[in-house]
Amino acid sequence: MASQISKNAEREKKYLFADNPYFYGYSVIAFKKGRTDIQNTKDLHGKTVTAGVGSYNTTWLEEYNRRNGNPIKVQYNDGNAAVFFKDIADGRVDATLTDPVTTDTYAKENNLPLDWVVLDEQDTAPAYFLFANNKNGQKYKELVDKALQEIIADGTLSRISIKWFGKDYSVPPVKK
């Protein structure tokens, strides 16, 4: 399985993970291009952030609000990127928490003026290939580990990321 799966204790009990991550996922604050007033999480205080019900970023935002006296107004939605990116572009909300690949892809495909900054208070999550915890899973894990190590070492993974996503997501982001 591959879909930005990160490690946690519960998953590590049930599944085998590749030795190396193939992708580094992280969240960003997406907003309308041209805004200069949003550069970090604290800049969202007093602003309206659209958030998909039950998503990882929404849960993180709710916890942030609880710890900090609810400084950010959350406008819940069903998680449909078309809606929340259009709401940002049209000025109905100030921002959303999402990922850079989705933001850049959606902005380009729909000609929307979107920009983003790395969410400064959240950690980067390395993503791993996941395998069944059985004999076949072990066999495939070993094959994938070998191939993945080779394409990391020769730069192929980096080139693939840049080709398809416009940026190298095979390494952690540099935070400002």
N, C-alpha and C. Protein backbone atom coordinates (compact mmCIF):
# COMPACT_ATOMS: atom_id res chain seq x y z
N MET A 1 0.84 -1.17 0.00
CA MET A 1 0.00 0.00 0.00
C MET A 1 0.89 1.24 0.00
N ALA A 2 0.48 2.25 -0.73
CA ALA A 2 1.22 3.51 -0.76
C ALA A 2 0.23 4.65 -0.89
N SER A 3 0.14 5.45 0.12
CA SER A 3 -0.74 6.62 0.08
C SER A 3 -0.39 7.54 1.24
N GLN A 4 0.84 8.00 1.24
CA GLN A 4 1.34 8.85 2.31
C GLN A 4 1.07 8.23 3.68
N ILE A 5 1.41 6.96 3.82
CA ILE A 5 1.23 6.26 5.09
C ILE A 5 2.42 6.56 5.99
N SER A 6 2.14 7.07 7.17
CA SER A 6 3.20 7.34 8.13
C SER A 6 3.20 6.27 9.22
N LYS A 7 4.32 6.15 9.88
CA LYS A 7 4.45 5.15 10.93
C LYS A 7 3.82 5.66 12.22
N ASN A 8 3.21 4.71 12.94
CA ASN A 8 2.83 4.95 14.33
C ASN A 8 2.87 3.59 15.02
N ALA A 9 2.85 3.58 16.33
CA ALA A 9 3.03 2.34 17.09
C ALA A 9 1.97 1.29 16.73
N GLU A 10 0.73 1.71 16.58
CA GLU A 10 -0.35 0.78 16.26
C GLU A 10 -0.14 0.11 14.90
N ARG A 11 0.24 0.90 13.90
CA ARG A 11 0.48 0.34 12.56
C ARG A 11 1.71 -0.57 12.54
N GLU A 12 2.73 -0.20 13.30
CA GLU A 12 3.95 -1.01 13.30
C GLU A 12 3.73 -2.39 13.92
N LYS A 13 2.69 -2.52 14.74
CA LYS A 13 2.35 -3.84 15.31
C LYS A 13 1.68 -4.73 14.26
N LYS A 14 1.00 -4.12 13.31
CA LYS A 14 0.19 -4.87 12.34
C LYS A 14 0.85 -5.07 10.98
N TYR A 15 1.74 -4.14 10.59
CA TYR A 15 2.26 -4.14 9.23
C TYR A 15 3.77 -4.04 9.21
N LEU A 16 4.33 -4.36 8.05
CA LEU A 16 5.75 -4.15 7.79
C LEU A 16 5.90 -2.85 7.01
N PHE A 17 6.88 -2.06 7.35
CA PHE A 17 7.15 -0.81 6.66
C PHE A 17 8.46 -0.91 5.91
N ALA A 18 8.53 -0.26 4.76
CA ALA A 18 9.80 -0.17 4.04
C ALA A 18 10.83 0.49 4.95
N ASP A 19 12.09 0.20 4.70
CA ASP A 19 13.14 0.78 5.54
C ASP A 19 13.28 2.28 5.37
N ASN A 20 13.05 2.76 4.16
CA ASN A 20 13.21 4.19 3.86
C ASN A 20 11.89 4.80 3.40
N PRO A 21 11.64 6.05 3.74
CA PRO A 21 10.46 6.73 3.21
C PRO A 21 10.66 7.04 1.73
N TYR A 22 9.55 7.14 1.00
CA TYR A 22 9.62 7.51 -0.41
C TYR A 22 9.12 8.93 -0.63
N PHE A 23 8.60 9.54 0.42
CA PHE A 23 7.95 10.85 0.30
C PHE A 23 7.92 11.48 1.68
N TYR A 24 8.08 12.79 1.73
CA TYR A 24 7.94 13.51 3.00
C TYR A 24 6.73 14.42 2.89
N GLY A 25 5.70 14.07 3.62
CA GLY A 25 4.48 14.85 3.61
C GLY A 25 4.52 15.90 4.70
N TYR A 26 3.94 17.01 4.40
CA TYR A 26 3.82 18.06 5.41
C TYR A 26 2.63 18.93 5.05
N SER A 27 2.19 19.63 6.04
CA SER A 27 1.04 20.49 5.83
C SER A 27 1.48 21.92 5.57
N VAL A 28 0.61 22.62 4.85
CA VAL A 28 0.86 24.02 4.54
C VAL A 28 -0.40 24.83 4.86
N ILE A 29 -0.19 26.10 5.02
CA ILE A 29 -1.30 27.04 5.12
C ILE A 29 -1.48 27.61 3.72
N ALA A 30 -2.60 27.29 3.09
CA ALA A 30 -2.88 27.78 1.73
C ALA A 30 -3.77 29.01 1.84
N PHE A 31 -3.49 30.01 1.02
CA PHE A 31 -4.22 31.27 1.05
C PHE A 31 -4.19 31.90 -0.34
N LYS A 32 -4.91 33.00 -0.49
CA LYS A 32 -4.98 33.68 -1.78
C LYS A 32 -3.64 34.34 -2.08
N LYS A 33 -3.16 34.13 -3.29
CA LYS A 33 -1.88 34.71 -3.73
C LYS A 33 -1.93 36.22 -3.56
N GLY A 34 -0.83 36.77 -3.10
CA GLY A 34 -0.74 38.21 -2.91
C GLY A 34 -0.90 38.65 -1.46
N ARG A 35 -1.43 37.76 -0.64
CA ARG A 35 -1.57 38.10 0.78
C ARG A 35 -0.19 38.07 1.42
N THR A 36 0.07 39.05 2.25
CA THR A 36 1.34 39.08 2.96
C THR A 36 1.15 38.94 4.47
N ASP A 37 -0.11 38.83 4.88
CA ASP A 37 -0.42 38.79 6.32
C ASP A 37 -0.45 37.37 6.88
N ILE A 38 -0.21 36.36 6.06
CA ILE A 38 -0.20 34.97 6.55
C ILE A 38 1.16 34.36 6.22
N GLN A 39 1.96 34.20 7.26
CA GLN A 39 3.28 33.58 7.10
C GLN A 39 3.52 32.44 8.07
N ASN A 40 2.64 32.32 9.09
CA ASN A 40 2.79 31.26 10.09
C ASN A 40 1.46 31.03 10.79
N THR A 41 1.42 30.07 11.69
CA THR A 41 0.18 29.70 12.36
C THR A 41 -0.41 30.86 13.16
N LYS A 42 0.42 31.60 13.84
CA LYS A 42 -0.10 32.73 14.66
C LYS A 42 -0.79 33.79 13.80
N ASP A 43 -0.38 33.89 12.54
CA ASP A 43 -1.03 34.84 11.64
C ASP A 43 -2.47 34.45 11.32
N LEU A 44 -2.87 33.21 11.65
CA LEU A 44 -4.25 32.78 11.43
C LEU A 44 -5.18 33.23 12.56
N HIS A 45 -4.61 33.69 13.66
CA HIS A 45 -5.44 34.16 14.78
C HIS A 45 -6.36 35.28 14.29
N GLY A 46 -7.66 35.13 14.58
CA GLY A 46 -8.65 36.10 14.16
C GLY A 46 -9.14 35.92 12.73
N LYS A 47 -8.61 34.93 12.06
CA LYS A 47 -9.01 34.69 10.67
C LYS A 47 -9.88 33.43 10.57
N THR A 48 -10.53 33.26 9.42
CA THR A 48 -11.38 32.09 9.17
C THR A 48 -10.63 31.09 8.31
N VAL A 49 -10.54 29.87 8.83
CA VAL A 49 -9.86 28.78 8.13
C VAL A 49 -10.89 27.71 7.82
N THR A 50 -10.99 27.32 6.55
CA THR A 50 -11.90 26.27 6.16
C THR A 50 -11.22 24.93 6.39
N ALA A 51 -11.99 23.96 6.89
CA ALA A 51 -11.40 22.68 7.30
C ALA A 51 -12.36 21.52 7.02
N GLY A 52 -11.83 20.46 6.44
CA GLY A 52 -12.63 19.27 6.14
C GLY A 52 -12.90 18.47 7.41
N VAL A 53 -14.14 18.16 7.65
CA VAL A 53 -14.54 17.44 8.85
C VAL A 53 -13.76 16.13 8.97
N GLY A 54 -13.13 15.94 10.12
CA GLY A 54 -12.46 14.68 10.44
C GLY A 54 -11.08 14.48 9.83
N SER A 55 -10.58 15.44 9.08
CA SER A 55 -9.26 15.26 8.46
C SER A 55 -8.16 15.42 9.51
N TYR A 56 -6.97 14.95 9.17
CA TYR A 56 -5.81 15.09 10.05
C TYR A 56 -5.57 16.56 10.37
N ASN A 57 -5.59 17.42 9.34
CA ASN A 57 -5.32 18.83 9.57
C ASN A 57 -6.41 19.50 10.39
N THR A 58 -7.64 19.08 10.23
CA THR A 58 -8.73 19.65 11.02
C THR A 58 -8.58 19.27 12.48
N THR A 59 -8.26 18.01 12.73
CA THR A 59 -8.03 17.56 14.11
C THR A 59 -6.87 18.34 14.72
N TRP A 60 -5.81 18.53 13.97
CA TRP A 60 -4.68 19.30 14.46
C TRP A 60 -5.10 20.73 14.78
N LEU A 61 -5.89 21.35 13.88
CA LEU A 61 -6.36 22.72 14.08
C LEU A 61 -7.25 22.82 15.32
N GLU A 62 -8.14 21.86 15.51
CA GLU A 62 -9.00 21.86 16.70
C GLU A 62 -8.17 21.76 17.98
N GLU A 63 -7.16 20.91 17.96
CA GLU A 63 -6.28 20.78 19.14
C GLU A 63 -5.49 22.06 19.37
N TYR A 64 -5.01 22.67 18.30
CA TYR A 64 -4.30 23.95 18.40
C TYR A 64 -5.21 24.99 19.04
N ASN A 65 -6.45 25.08 18.55
CA ASN A 65 -7.40 26.03 19.11
C ASN A 65 -7.65 25.78 20.59
N ARG A 66 -7.82 24.52 20.98
CA ARG A 66 -8.05 24.19 22.40
C ARG A 66 -6.88 24.64 23.28
N ARG A 67 -5.68 24.41 22.81
CA ARG A 67 -4.48 24.77 23.59
C ARG A 67 -4.27 26.28 23.67
N ASN A 68 -4.83 27.02 22.72
CA ASN A 68 -4.52 28.45 22.61
C ASN A 68 -5.72 29.37 22.76
N GLY A 69 -6.82 28.89 23.33
CA GLY A 69 -7.97 29.75 23.58
C GLY A 69 -8.83 30.05 22.37
N ASN A 70 -8.86 29.15 21.40
CA ASN A 70 -9.70 29.26 20.20
C ASN A 70 -9.49 30.56 19.41
N PRO A 71 -8.26 30.85 19.03
CA PRO A 71 -8.03 32.11 18.30
C PRO A 71 -8.38 32.07 16.81
N ILE A 72 -8.59 30.86 16.26
CA ILE A 72 -8.85 30.72 14.83
C ILE A 72 -10.29 30.27 14.63
N LYS A 73 -11.02 30.99 13.77
CA LYS A 73 -12.38 30.60 13.45
C LYS A 73 -12.34 29.48 12.41
N VAL A 74 -12.97 28.36 12.73
CA VAL A 74 -12.97 27.21 11.82
C VAL A 74 -14.32 27.14 11.11
N GLN A 75 -14.28 27.11 9.81
CA GLN A 75 -15.49 26.91 9.00
C GLN A 75 -15.39 25.51 8.41
N TYR A 76 -16.23 24.62 8.88
CA TYR A 76 -16.17 23.22 8.46
C TYR A 76 -16.79 23.02 7.08
N ASN A 77 -16.21 22.07 6.35
CA ASN A 77 -16.74 21.68 5.05
C ASN A 77 -16.57 20.18 4.89
N ASP A 78 -17.01 19.65 3.78
CA ASP A 78 -16.96 18.20 3.57
C ASP A 78 -15.61 17.70 3.07
N GLY A 79 -14.63 18.59 2.98
CA GLY A 79 -13.30 18.19 2.55
C GLY A 79 -13.08 18.28 1.05
N ASN A 80 -14.04 18.82 0.33
CA ASN A 80 -13.94 18.94 -1.12
C ASN A 80 -12.99 20.09 -1.48
N ALA A 81 -11.85 19.75 -2.06
CA ALA A 81 -10.84 20.75 -2.40
C ALA A 81 -11.39 21.82 -3.33
N ALA A 82 -12.26 21.44 -4.25
CA ALA A 82 -12.83 22.41 -5.18
C ALA A 82 -13.53 23.53 -4.43
N VAL A 83 -14.24 23.18 -3.37
CA VAL A 83 -14.99 24.17 -2.60
C VAL A 83 -14.04 25.04 -1.79
N PHE A 84 -13.14 24.43 -1.00
CA PHE A 84 -12.35 25.29 -0.13
C PHE A 84 -11.32 26.12 -0.88
N PHE A 85 -10.76 25.64 -1.97
CA PHE A 85 -9.83 26.48 -2.72
C PHE A 85 -10.57 27.62 -3.42
N LYS A 86 -11.76 27.35 -3.92
CA LYS A 86 -12.57 28.42 -4.55
C LYS A 86 -12.98 29.45 -3.50
N ASP A 87 -13.35 28.98 -2.31
CA ASP A 87 -13.70 29.92 -1.22
C ASP A 87 -12.53 30.82 -0.87
N ILE A 88 -11.32 30.29 -0.89
CA ILE A 88 -10.13 31.10 -0.61
C ILE A 88 -9.93 32.11 -1.74
N ALA A 89 -9.95 31.65 -2.97
CA ALA A 89 -9.73 32.53 -4.12
C ALA A 89 -10.76 33.64 -4.20
N ASP A 90 -12.01 33.32 -3.80
CA ASP A 90 -13.09 34.31 -3.85
C ASP A 90 -13.18 35.17 -2.59
N GLY A 91 -12.32 34.91 -1.61
CA GLY A 91 -12.28 35.73 -0.40
C GLY A 91 -13.32 35.41 0.64
N ARG A 92 -14.00 34.27 0.53
CA ARG A 92 -15.01 33.90 1.54
C ARG A 92 -14.38 33.39 2.82
N VAL A 93 -13.18 32.82 2.72
CA VAL A 93 -12.40 32.39 3.88
C VAL A 93 -10.96 32.85 3.66
N ASP A 94 -10.19 32.85 4.73
CA ASP A 94 -8.81 33.32 4.64
C ASP A 94 -7.82 32.25 4.22
N ALA A 95 -8.03 31.02 4.67
CA ALA A 95 -7.01 30.00 4.44
C ALA A 95 -7.56 28.61 4.69
N THR A 96 -6.73 27.61 4.42
CA THR A 96 -7.00 26.22 4.79
C THR A 96 -5.67 25.57 5.11
N LEU A 97 -5.72 24.46 5.82
CA LEU A 97 -4.53 23.64 6.05
C LEU A 97 -4.65 22.45 5.11
N THR A 98 -3.63 22.23 4.32
CA THR A 98 -3.67 21.18 3.31
C THR A 98 -2.24 20.73 3.03
N ASP A 99 -1.99 20.19 1.87
CA ASP A 99 -0.62 19.82 1.52
C ASP A 99 -0.21 20.58 0.26
N PRO A 100 1.09 20.74 0.05
CA PRO A 100 1.53 21.56 -1.08
C PRO A 100 1.23 20.96 -2.45
N VAL A 101 1.27 19.64 -2.57
CA VAL A 101 1.01 19.01 -3.86
C VAL A 101 -0.43 19.28 -4.30
N THR A 102 -1.38 19.06 -3.39
CA THR A 102 -2.78 19.31 -3.72
C THR A 102 -3.00 20.78 -4.07
N THR A 103 -2.43 21.67 -3.27
CA THR A 103 -2.60 23.11 -3.50
C THR A 103 -2.05 23.51 -4.87
N ASP A 104 -0.81 23.14 -5.14
CA ASP A 104 -0.18 23.53 -6.41
C ASP A 104 -0.90 22.93 -7.61
N THR A 105 -1.26 21.66 -7.50
CA THR A 105 -1.93 20.98 -8.61
C THR A 105 -3.29 21.62 -8.87
N TYR A 106 -4.07 21.81 -7.82
CA TYR A 106 -5.40 22.38 -7.99
C TYR A 106 -5.34 23.81 -8.52
N ALA A 107 -4.42 24.60 -8.00
CA ALA A 107 -4.28 25.99 -8.45
C ALA A 107 -3.94 26.04 -9.94
N LYS A 108 -3.02 25.18 -10.36
CA LYS A 108 -2.60 25.17 -11.77
C LYS A 108 -3.72 24.69 -12.68
N GLU A 109 -4.36 23.58 -12.31
CA GLU A 109 -5.40 23.00 -13.16
C GLU A 109 -6.65 23.88 -13.25
N ASN A 110 -6.89 24.70 -12.23
CA ASN A 110 -8.11 25.51 -12.20
C ASN A 110 -7.83 27.01 -12.28
N ASN A 111 -6.58 27.35 -12.59
CA ASN A 111 -6.19 28.75 -12.73
C ASN A 111 -6.64 29.61 -11.54
N LEU A 112 -6.34 29.12 -10.33
CA LEU A 112 -6.69 29.85 -9.12
C LEU A 112 -5.45 30.49 -8.52
N PRO A 113 -5.59 31.72 -8.02
CA PRO A 113 -4.45 32.43 -7.44
C PRO A 113 -4.20 31.99 -6.00
N LEU A 114 -3.51 30.85 -5.84
CA LEU A 114 -3.25 30.32 -4.50
C LEU A 114 -1.76 30.32 -4.21
N ASP A 115 -1.44 30.48 -2.95
CA ASP A 115 -0.07 30.41 -2.49
C ASP A 115 -0.07 29.68 -1.16
N TRP A 116 1.10 29.36 -0.62
CA TRP A 116 1.15 28.65 0.65
C TRP A 116 2.48 28.86 1.35
N VAL A 117 2.46 28.61 2.65
CA VAL A 117 3.67 28.56 3.47
C VAL A 117 3.60 27.27 4.28
N VAL A 118 4.76 26.71 4.61
CA VAL A 118 4.81 25.50 5.41
C VAL A 118 4.21 25.79 6.79
N LEU A 119 3.35 24.89 7.25
CA LEU A 119 2.75 25.02 8.58
C LEU A 119 3.86 24.83 9.60
N ASP A 120 4.21 25.91 10.26
CA ASP A 120 5.40 25.96 11.10
C ASP A 120 5.31 25.16 12.39
N GLU A 121 4.13 24.84 12.85
CA GLU A 121 3.99 24.17 14.15
C GLU A 121 3.66 22.69 14.03
N GLN A 122 3.82 22.14 12.86
CA GLN A 122 3.50 20.72 12.66
C GLN A 122 4.73 20.02 12.07
N ASP A 123 4.97 18.81 12.48
CA ASP A 123 6.13 18.06 12.01
C ASP A 123 5.93 17.49 10.62
N THR A 124 7.04 17.26 9.95
CA THR A 124 7.04 16.56 8.66
C THR A 124 6.77 15.09 8.92
N ALA A 125 6.01 14.47 8.04
CA ALA A 125 5.67 13.05 8.20
C ALA A 125 6.24 12.25 7.04
N PRO A 126 7.29 11.47 7.30
CA PRO A 126 7.79 10.61 6.22
C PRO A 126 6.76 9.54 5.87
N ALA A 127 6.61 9.28 4.59
CA ALA A 127 5.63 8.29 4.11
C ALA A 127 6.37 7.04 3.66
N TYR A 128 5.82 5.89 4.01
CA TYR A 128 6.45 4.61 3.74
C TYR A 128 5.52 3.69 2.95
N PHE A 129 6.13 2.78 2.17
CA PHE A 129 5.35 1.70 1.60
C PHE A 129 5.02 0.74 2.74
N LEU A 130 3.85 0.18 2.69
CA LEU A 130 3.33 -0.68 3.75
C LEU A 130 3.07 -2.07 3.18
N PHE A 131 3.41 -3.10 3.97
CA PHE A 131 3.26 -4.48 3.51
C PHE A 131 2.55 -5.31 4.56
N ALA A 132 1.87 -6.36 4.11
CA ALA A 132 1.24 -7.30 5.03
C ALA A 132 2.33 -7.93 5.89
N ASN A 133 2.02 -8.16 7.14
CA ASN A 133 2.98 -8.75 8.07
C ASN A 133 2.91 -10.27 7.97
N ASN A 134 3.39 -10.79 6.83
CA ASN A 134 3.41 -12.23 6.61
C ASN A 134 4.59 -12.55 5.67
N LYS A 135 4.70 -13.81 5.28
CA LYS A 135 5.84 -14.23 4.47
C LYS A 135 5.89 -13.49 3.13
N ASN A 136 4.76 -13.38 2.45
CA ASN A 136 4.73 -12.65 1.18
C ASN A 136 5.06 -11.17 1.38
N GLY A 137 4.50 -10.59 2.43
CA GLY A 137 4.79 -9.19 2.73
C GLY A 137 6.28 -8.97 2.96
N GLN A 138 6.92 -9.88 3.68
CA GLN A 138 8.36 -9.79 3.94
C GLN A 138 9.14 -9.86 2.63
N LYS A 139 8.72 -10.76 1.74
CA LYS A 139 9.39 -10.91 0.44
C LYS A 139 9.30 -9.61 -0.36
N TYR A 140 8.09 -9.05 -0.44
CA TYR A 140 7.92 -7.82 -1.21
C TYR A 140 8.61 -6.63 -0.55
N LYS A 141 8.61 -6.60 0.75
CA LYS A 141 9.30 -5.55 1.48
C LYS A 141 10.78 -5.55 1.12
N GLU A 142 11.39 -6.72 1.12
CA GLU A 142 12.82 -6.83 0.79
C GLU A 142 13.09 -6.36 -0.65
N LEU A 143 12.23 -6.74 -1.58
CA LEU A 143 12.39 -6.31 -2.97
C LEU A 143 12.25 -4.79 -3.11
N VAL A 144 11.23 -4.24 -2.47
CA VAL A 144 11.00 -2.80 -2.55
C VAL A 144 12.12 -2.04 -1.83
N ASP A 145 12.55 -2.54 -0.68
CA ASP A 145 13.65 -1.88 0.04
C ASP A 145 14.89 -1.76 -0.84
N LYS A 146 15.23 -2.84 -1.52
CA LYS A 146 16.42 -2.85 -2.38
C LYS A 146 16.25 -1.84 -3.52
N ALA A 147 15.11 -1.88 -4.19
CA ALA A 147 14.87 -0.97 -5.31
C ALA A 147 14.81 0.48 -4.85
N LEU A 148 14.15 0.72 -3.73
CA LEU A 148 14.02 2.08 -3.22
C LEU A 148 15.38 2.64 -2.83
N GLN A 149 16.20 1.83 -2.19
CA GLN A 149 17.54 2.27 -1.81
C GLN A 149 18.33 2.67 -3.07
N GLU A 150 18.20 1.90 -4.13
CA GLU A 150 18.91 2.19 -5.37
C GLU A 150 18.46 3.51 -5.99
N ILE A 151 17.13 3.75 -6.03
CA ILE A 151 16.66 4.99 -6.69
C ILE A 151 16.86 6.22 -5.80
N ILE A 152 16.99 6.02 -4.51
CA ILE A 152 17.36 7.14 -3.65
C ILE A 152 18.83 7.49 -3.90
N ALA A 153 19.68 6.46 -3.91
CA ALA A 153 21.12 6.66 -4.05
C ALA A 153 21.50 7.29 -5.39
N ASP A 154 20.81 6.89 -6.47
CA ASP A 154 21.21 7.43 -7.79
C ASP A 154 20.43 8.69 -8.19
N GLY A 155 19.55 9.17 -7.30
CA GLY A 155 18.82 10.41 -7.56
C GLY A 155 17.54 10.25 -8.35
N THR A 156 17.19 9.02 -8.73
CA THR A 156 15.99 8.80 -9.52
C THR A 156 14.73 9.21 -8.76
N LEU A 157 14.65 8.89 -7.49
CA LEU A 157 13.45 9.25 -6.72
C LEU A 157 13.26 10.76 -6.69
N SER A 158 14.33 11.48 -6.52
CA SER A 158 14.28 12.94 -6.53
C SER A 158 13.79 13.46 -7.89
N ARG A 159 14.33 12.91 -8.96
CA ARG A 159 13.92 13.34 -10.31
C ARG A 159 12.45 13.03 -10.58
N ILE A 160 11.98 11.87 -10.11
CA ILE A 160 10.56 11.51 -10.29
C ILE A 160 9.68 12.52 -9.56
N SER A 161 10.04 12.84 -8.33
CA SER A 161 9.27 13.80 -7.56
C SER A 161 9.20 15.15 -8.27
N ILE A 162 10.33 15.62 -8.73
CA ILE A 162 10.37 16.92 -9.41
C ILE A 162 9.56 16.88 -10.71
N LYS A 163 9.68 15.79 -11.45
CA LYS A 163 8.94 15.67 -12.71
C LYS A 163 7.43 15.72 -12.47
N TRP A 164 6.93 14.96 -11.50
CA TRP A 164 5.48 14.83 -11.32
C TRP A 164 4.87 15.83 -10.35
N PHE A 165 5.67 16.34 -9.42
CA PHE A 165 5.12 17.26 -8.42
C PHE A 165 5.73 18.66 -8.48
N GLY A 166 6.76 18.85 -9.31
CA GLY A 166 7.37 20.16 -9.43
C GLY A 166 8.36 20.50 -8.34
N LYS A 167 8.57 19.59 -7.41
CA LYS A 167 9.45 19.83 -6.27
C LYS A 167 9.92 18.48 -5.74
N ASP A 168 11.04 18.49 -5.05
CA ASP A 168 11.57 17.25 -4.49
C ASP A 168 10.97 16.96 -3.13
N TYR A 169 9.99 16.05 -3.11
CA TYR A 169 9.36 15.63 -1.87
C TYR A 169 9.99 14.35 -1.34
N SER A 170 11.13 13.94 -1.90
CA SER A 170 11.81 12.75 -1.39
C SER A 170 12.74 13.10 -0.24
N VAL A 171 12.81 14.38 0.11
CA VAL A 171 13.61 14.86 1.24
C VAL A 171 12.72 15.76 2.10
N PRO A 172 13.04 15.87 3.40
CA PRO A 172 12.24 16.77 4.25
C PRO A 172 12.33 18.22 3.79
N PRO A 173 11.28 19.02 4.00
CA PRO A 173 11.32 20.41 3.60
C PRO A 173 12.25 21.21 4.53
N VAL A 174 12.77 22.29 4.01
CA VAL A 174 13.55 23.22 4.82
C VAL A 174 12.55 24.25 5.33
N LYS A 175 12.41 24.31 6.66
CA LYS A 175 11.47 25.27 7.24
C LYS A 175 12.20 26.58 7.50
N LYS A 176 11.49 27.66 7.26
CA LYS A 176 12.07 29.00 7.47
C LYS A 176 12.09 29.33 8.93
